[in-house]
């Protein structure tokens, strides 16, 4: 095996997910180049851990509160402006993400999640003008990017109905995307960013196993070819 590209590990129990990552660690110890490295995947899939790393290297992220207690989550609801996005700590493609903009709805969501033993992860809702940005990073370079424009709601994920629109990011956005990927040790990453109404650039997620079907429709660059070329270079080292 010359090199291994990790695609989405998939849903499963805690045992199943840990076992799959353990296999990746085992292959890496045997000398197989694994992209992304298991340690990078472990950091990126954990939204809370990833957020702390991004903030530690000086990147701006949405205001976030994470707790196991509904009472504390409810207090934070007001502190975050009374309009929040509640996310699973683990997950991607917008699955399980909901918005709460009134106290009654927020309370119900927090109690339900706590009852089912989920950590309460809430972020301020940042109005992004109905779009955010996805930058696809390979080996320290942004090779493709797009705006993701929300459909009828506020979610911009292409898998949730968002529309990919071609976009050439300025240098500061490219540099931020690369810095975010490198902070988490990702050689290949989909970095999601958004601008606030006052122009502040926020990083809201780094995906270590990014899909690119939507991005490919808005880019003339063959992303799959670039990934394959990078893997071949890794295998030859």
Protein backbone atom coordinates (compact mmCIF):
# COMPACT_ATOMS: atom_id res chain seq x y z
CA UNK A 1 0.00 0.00 0.00
CA UNK A 2 1.73 3.16 -1.22
CA UNK A 3 -0.55 5.71 0.44
CA UNK A 4 -4.04 5.91 1.88
CA UNK A 5 -6.59 8.69 1.39
CA UNK A 6 -9.16 8.75 4.17
CA UNK A 7 -12.66 9.48 2.97
CA UNK A 8 -15.58 10.01 5.40
CA UNK A 9 -15.26 7.44 8.16
CA UNK A 10 -19.03 7.19 8.35
CA UNK A 11 -21.51 7.02 11.23
CA UNK A 12 -21.25 4.40 13.93
CA UNK A 13 -21.07 3.70 17.62
CA UNK A 14 -18.22 5.07 19.73
CA UNK A 15 -16.57 1.64 19.61
CA UNK A 16 -16.82 1.50 15.81
CA UNK A 17 -15.42 4.99 15.27
CA UNK A 18 -12.52 4.45 17.69
CA UNK A 19 -11.73 1.12 16.01
CA UNK A 20 -11.63 2.73 12.54
CA UNK A 21 -9.28 5.45 13.73
CA UNK A 22 -7.15 2.86 15.54
CA UNK A 23 -6.71 1.06 12.21
CA UNK A 24 -5.49 4.30 10.64
CA UNK A 25 -2.99 4.77 13.46
CA UNK A 26 -1.81 1.19 12.96
CA UNK A 27 -1.26 1.72 9.23
CA UNK A 28 0.63 4.93 9.93
CA UNK A 29 2.91 3.14 12.41
CA UNK A 30 3.60 0.54 9.71
CA UNK A 31 4.92 3.33 7.51
CA UNK A 32 1.92 3.89 5.24
CA UNK A 33 1.37 7.60 4.45
CA UNK A 34 -2.18 8.29 5.66
CA UNK A 35 -3.89 11.46 4.42
CA UNK A 36 -5.06 13.05 6.56
CA UNK A 37 -3.06 11.75 9.49
CA UNK A 38 -5.22 10.09 12.16
CA UNK A 39 -4.19 12.73 14.71
CA UNK A 40 -5.45 15.47 12.37
CA UNK A 41 -8.74 13.67 11.82
CA UNK A 42 -9.22 13.26 15.57
CA UNK A 43 -8.71 16.99 16.12
CA UNK A 44 -10.86 18.17 13.24
CA UNK A 45 -13.90 15.94 13.85
CA UNK A 46 -14.19 17.23 17.42
CA UNK A 47 -15.73 20.67 16.92
CA UNK A 48 -14.95 21.87 20.44
CA UNK A 49 -11.31 20.76 20.38
CA UNK A 50 -10.80 22.13 16.87
CA UNK A 51 -12.30 25.48 17.85
CA UNK A 52 -9.91 25.84 20.80
CA UNK A 53 -6.93 25.09 18.56
CA UNK A 54 -8.03 27.62 15.93
CA UNK A 55 -8.53 30.28 18.58
CA UNK A 56 -5.16 29.48 20.14
CA UNK A 57 -3.32 30.23 16.88
CA UNK A 58 -5.05 33.60 16.62
CA UNK A 59 -7.91 32.85 14.24
CA UNK A 60 -11.30 34.39 14.91
CA UNK A 61 -14.18 31.98 15.50
CA UNK A 62 -17.85 32.44 16.45
CA UNK A 63 -18.57 33.00 20.14
CA UNK A 64 -19.26 29.55 21.53
CA UNK A 65 -20.37 27.95 24.79
CA UNK A 66 -20.08 24.22 25.46
CA UNK A 67 -21.57 22.56 28.53
CA UNK A 68 -23.32 19.43 29.75
CA UNK A 69 -25.85 21.36 31.85
CA UNK A 70 -29.08 22.74 30.33
CA UNK A 71 -29.19 25.50 32.96
CA UNK A 72 -25.76 26.77 31.90
CA UNK A 73 -26.69 26.48 28.22
CA UNK A 74 -29.83 28.52 28.86
CA UNK A 75 -27.81 31.25 30.61
CA UNK A 76 -25.44 31.33 27.66
CA UNK A 77 -28.36 31.66 25.27
CA UNK A 78 -28.93 35.24 26.43
CA UNK A 79 -25.21 36.00 26.58
CA UNK A 80 -24.90 34.93 22.94
CA UNK A 81 -27.59 37.36 21.85
CA UNK A 82 -30.72 35.22 22.15
CA UNK A 83 -30.16 33.67 18.73
CA UNK A 84 -27.92 30.61 18.59
CA UNK A 85 -26.96 27.66 16.44
CA UNK A 86 -26.87 24.34 18.29
CA UNK A 87 -24.60 21.68 16.82
CA UNK A 88 -23.46 18.16 17.63
CA UNK A 89 -19.83 18.10 18.76
CA UNK A 90 -19.22 15.40 16.16
CA UNK A 91 -20.84 15.62 12.74
CA UNK A 92 -20.68 17.23 9.33
CA UNK A 93 -22.76 18.31 6.32
CA UNK A 94 -25.14 20.27 8.52
CA UNK A 95 -26.69 17.16 10.05
CA UNK A 96 -28.17 17.72 13.50
CA UNK A 97 -27.63 21.48 13.32
CA UNK A 98 -30.54 23.64 14.46
CA UNK A 99 -31.18 27.29 15.21
CA UNK A 100 -32.93 28.59 18.32
CA UNK A 101 -34.06 32.21 18.36
CA UNK A 102 -36.48 32.22 21.28
CA UNK A 103 -36.16 31.09 24.89
CA UNK A 104 -38.87 28.46 24.79
CA UNK A 105 -37.39 26.69 21.76
CA UNK A 106 -33.88 26.91 23.20
CA UNK A 107 -34.99 25.40 26.50
CA UNK A 108 -36.70 22.48 24.75
CA UNK A 109 -33.64 21.78 22.62
CA UNK A 110 -31.24 21.88 25.56
CA UNK A 111 -33.39 19.60 27.72
CA UNK A 112 -33.90 17.10 24.91
CA UNK A 113 -30.20 16.93 24.06
CA UNK A 114 -29.22 16.62 27.71
CA UNK A 115 -31.80 13.86 28.27
CA UNK A 116 -30.18 11.91 25.42
CA UNK A 117 -26.69 12.50 26.87
CA UNK A 118 -25.43 14.95 24.26
CA UNK A 119 -23.00 17.74 25.05
CA UNK A 120 -24.64 21.15 24.51
CA UNK A 121 -22.63 23.04 21.90
CA UNK A 122 -24.06 26.44 21.03
CA UNK A 123 -22.72 29.29 18.97
CA UNK A 124 -23.93 32.81 18.38
CA UNK A 125 -25.92 33.02 15.18
CA UNK A 126 -23.86 35.14 12.82
CA UNK A 127 -25.77 36.65 9.92
CA UNK A 128 -23.59 35.96 6.90
CA UNK A 129 -25.77 37.56 4.24
CA UNK A 130 -27.09 34.19 3.16
CA UNK A 131 -23.73 32.79 2.12
CA UNK A 132 -20.42 31.55 3.44
CA UNK A 133 -17.18 30.38 1.83
CA UNK A 134 -15.55 26.98 1.37
CA UNK A 135 -11.84 26.90 0.58
CA UNK A 136 -10.32 23.58 -0.44
CA UNK A 137 -6.74 23.29 0.79
CA UNK A 138 -4.17 20.78 -0.47
CA UNK A 139 -0.63 20.82 0.92
CA UNK A 140 -0.74 24.40 2.15
CA UNK A 141 -2.45 25.90 -0.89
CA UNK A 142 -6.04 26.87 -1.67
CA UNK A 143 -6.70 25.03 -4.94
CA UNK A 144 -10.42 25.76 -5.29
CA UNK A 145 -13.09 27.78 -3.52
CA UNK A 146 -16.73 28.71 -3.71
CA UNK A 147 -19.46 30.68 -2.08
CA UNK A 148 -22.16 28.45 -0.62
CA UNK A 149 -25.43 30.32 -0.99
CA UNK A 150 -28.31 29.30 1.29
CA UNK A 151 -31.54 28.11 -0.27
CA UNK A 152 -34.85 28.86 1.43
CA UNK A 153 -33.38 28.81 4.94
CA UNK A 154 -30.10 29.87 6.52
CA UNK A 155 -28.03 26.71 6.07
CA UNK A 156 -25.44 26.98 3.32
CA UNK A 157 -24.28 23.35 3.15
CA UNK A 158 -24.57 22.11 -0.43
CA UNK A 159 -25.81 18.78 0.98
CA UNK A 160 -28.64 20.73 2.68
CA UNK A 161 -29.74 22.66 -0.41
CA UNK A 162 -27.09 25.36 -0.67
CA UNK A 163 -25.94 26.47 -4.11
CA UNK A 164 -22.24 26.52 -5.07
CA UNK A 165 -21.13 29.76 -6.74
CA UNK A 166 -17.63 30.37 -8.20
CA UNK A 167 -15.46 32.55 -6.00
CA UNK A 168 -11.83 33.68 -6.10
CA UNK A 169 -10.84 34.59 -2.54
CA UNK A 170 -8.48 37.46 -1.80
CA UNK A 171 -5.11 36.73 -0.20
CA UNK A 172 -6.26 37.30 3.38
CA UNK A 173 -8.99 34.67 3.06
CA UNK A 174 -6.63 32.17 1.42
CA UNK A 175 -4.04 32.75 4.14
CA UNK A 176 -6.65 32.26 6.85
CA UNK A 177 -7.88 29.02 5.28
CA UNK A 178 -4.35 27.63 5.01
CA UNK A 179 -3.54 28.65 8.57
CA UNK A 180 -6.68 26.90 9.84
CA UNK A 181 -5.86 23.68 7.97
CA UNK A 182 -2.26 23.69 9.16
CA UNK A 183 -3.26 24.40 12.77
CA UNK A 184 -5.13 21.08 12.81
CA UNK A 185 -2.44 19.23 10.88
CA UNK A 186 -4.62 18.74 7.79
CA UNK A 187 -2.85 18.24 4.47
CA UNK A 188 -6.22 18.20 2.71
CA UNK A 189 -9.11 20.18 4.17
CA UNK A 190 -12.32 21.98 3.42
CA UNK A 191 -12.25 25.20 5.43
CA UNK A 192 -15.53 27.03 5.97
CA UNK A 193 -15.39 30.76 6.61
CA UNK A 194 -17.86 33.60 6.80
CA UNK A 195 -17.82 37.36 7.05
CA UNK A 196 -19.89 39.21 9.62
CA UNK A 197 -21.85 42.35 8.79
CA UNK A 198 -18.89 44.48 9.90
CA UNK A 199 -16.48 42.52 7.69
CA UNK A 200 -14.87 40.35 10.38
CA UNK A 201 -13.64 37.05 8.96
CA UNK A 202 -14.56 33.99 11.03
CA UNK A 203 -13.53 30.36 10.64
CA UNK A 204 -16.45 28.17 11.63
CA UNK A 205 -15.32 24.69 10.63
CA UNK A 206 -12.44 22.67 9.21
CA UNK A 207 -13.42 19.40 7.55
CA UNK A 208 -10.60 16.83 7.42
CA UNK A 209 -12.52 14.52 5.07
CA UNK A 210 -14.12 17.07 2.76
CA UNK A 211 -16.50 16.25 -0.02
CA UNK A 212 -16.06 18.26 -3.19
CA UNK A 213 -18.92 17.34 -5.51
CA UNK A 214 -20.58 20.74 -5.13
CA UNK A 215 -17.27 22.58 -5.31
CA UNK A 216 -16.31 20.73 -8.49
CA UNK A 217 -19.42 22.03 -10.25
CA UNK A 218 -18.23 25.60 -9.69
CA UNK A 219 -14.55 25.06 -10.48
CA UNK A 220 -12.67 24.41 -13.72
CA UNK A 221 -9.89 22.68 -11.77
CA UNK A 222 -10.11 18.88 -11.49
CA UNK A 223 -9.97 18.50 -7.72
CA UNK A 224 -9.80 14.70 -7.79
CA UNK A 225 -6.73 14.86 -10.04
CA UNK A 226 -4.99 17.26 -7.66
CA UNK A 227 -5.69 14.96 -4.72
CA UNK A 228 -4.39 11.94 -6.66
CA UNK A 229 -1.24 13.81 -7.68
CA UNK A 230 -0.59 14.76 -4.07
CA UNK A 231 -1.03 11.16 -2.90
CA UNK A 232 1.38 9.93 -5.57
CA UNK A 233 3.99 12.43 -4.37
CA UNK A 234 3.48 11.23 -0.80
CA UNK A 235 3.82 7.59 -1.84
CA UNK A 236 7.09 8.26 -3.65
CA UNK A 237 8.77 9.93 -0.68
